[in-house]
Every structure is written in structure tokens, then in C-alpha cells.
């Protein structure tokens, strides 16, 4: 019988994803309203798709992961053996529910204990199984504080006994290193005092005699005095002899440019050469 899977969502988002953005993306994926989204992000596992095949579960997983959500895929313990539901009226039997309607219906009346029963059944099967291969299709996150290793998987602590019978304490109590030199004495600050607030710095007395320049021969000029006579004289243009220089005509190359021209290479004549059939 084909294995069936349940798809859950507990409000977890990928590392670095913005919960508000993930909520908005899931609203677009499932066409869900605000009440349905509040139920999905309440923190408890909510059933999104019940007893579907692996391909369908993987489609739900890919769509939710593209939106930034972290779905939980859980394989059911066995195929459903519940009796088929009663026949609905013809109008309801031919109508297909949308994804938003299915999620809203599951979120409105979920089987809150189904996820916990499946976790307990999976834990019981793991602890009682001996030779059966491990079931990795329905891996879920363990509750916080769960031990990673079982008691039988933990390594035994190694207890070492060190023989110290040949060791003894030094009775002379000698130091193993030289004693540190004492800290220097604090400087004497008894001759120092604090200045008053607002004192000009530096305000210490100076032994240098103040300068007293003689200003008897100096006077200020009247406002608007012309000081152009104090300007430096204009320098005379030097007399240069340019009779030995001449200018080149436009487009004429200098000797240096002519030396830089590449040496023309003669093209060999090929008139006497023909191609043989």
C-alpha cells in the first residue's frame, strides 16, 4: 500500500527571513485570509495537507520553502482505515475546494493531538526497534532540552590514576621566580594647588623681562592713505637675442620626429612567381 504523508507548519521561518515577508508570501501561495494566517503562525503545529502521497508533499514543501517557511513532513503510521464519509449532495460532490478553503477548514477544526500522537508513536518505535532500519522519512525537531545521545551511545569517562608518591613539597618554601620590584613611591604634590575657575592659563610667573620696544618714531597714517609708492618697482623685460632662431612652417616635422619615423621596407616583386596547377 502506498505510503501517505502529512504536511504541518508550526510558524517557523528560514534563518535570515523576515516573518512579515514570509506571512505575506504564504498568503499569496494559499490565497489565505488574515484569520487563517494568524492560526498558522500561532506557534502550534497546524495540519496543512493530510495523508497525501510523497510527490504532493514535496510540492507543498517546495512552495512553502520558496516563500521562506519551514514545513514539517511527517509520514503517517499506516494508511487510513476509517470508513468512507457519507455521500454528500450532488452539488457539493462535484465542487472542488480551493487551497485556501482546505487550509481554513483544517485550521478551524484541526486534530490538535494528532501531531503529538505521531511524535509519541515515532519515539516508541525508535526505542523498541532493534534490527529494523532507521526511518528517516518522518524526521522532526526534538523538543528543547532533549539529549542528543542516548546513555548507551555515550563514551565511558576515562579515569586516570597518577602516582605522586615520589613527589614532595619543598620545606624551605623557596620562590620559583624572582620577587617583583616594589612599585615606585607616589610623587609629592603638597606644593601644588588648583587655580580658581576662570584663571588664564598659563598664569605662572615668568622670570623673563618683558619687551618694551621704542615706538617714538612710528605713527599711523590717515585713513585712505595711498600706499602705491611702497609697491615694488616693475621689473624690466630682459633683452633677448632671438636672431639665431627660426620657426618651422605648419606641418613640417622636426628632426627628432623624422628620426622616429619607421624605415620603409621595400615590397619584393612577385611578378615572376606563378601557382602551379
Foldseek 3Di string as FASTA:
>chain_A
DAWWKWKKAQQAFDPPDDSVQLLVLVCVVQVADPVLSCLRNVRAIFTQDGGHHPVVNVVVQVSSVVSGGHMFMAIDPDDDPDDDDDDDDPVVVPDDDGSRVSSVVRSVDPPRCPVVVSVVVLVVCVVPDDPDDDDPRRDDDDDPPDDPDDPVPDDDDDDDDDDCPVDDDDPVPDDPDDDDDDDDDDDDCPPDDDDDPPDDPPPDDDPDDDDDDDCPPDDDDDPPDDPVVVDDDDDDDDDDDCPVDDDDDPPDDDPVVVVPDDDDDDDDDCPVPDDDD
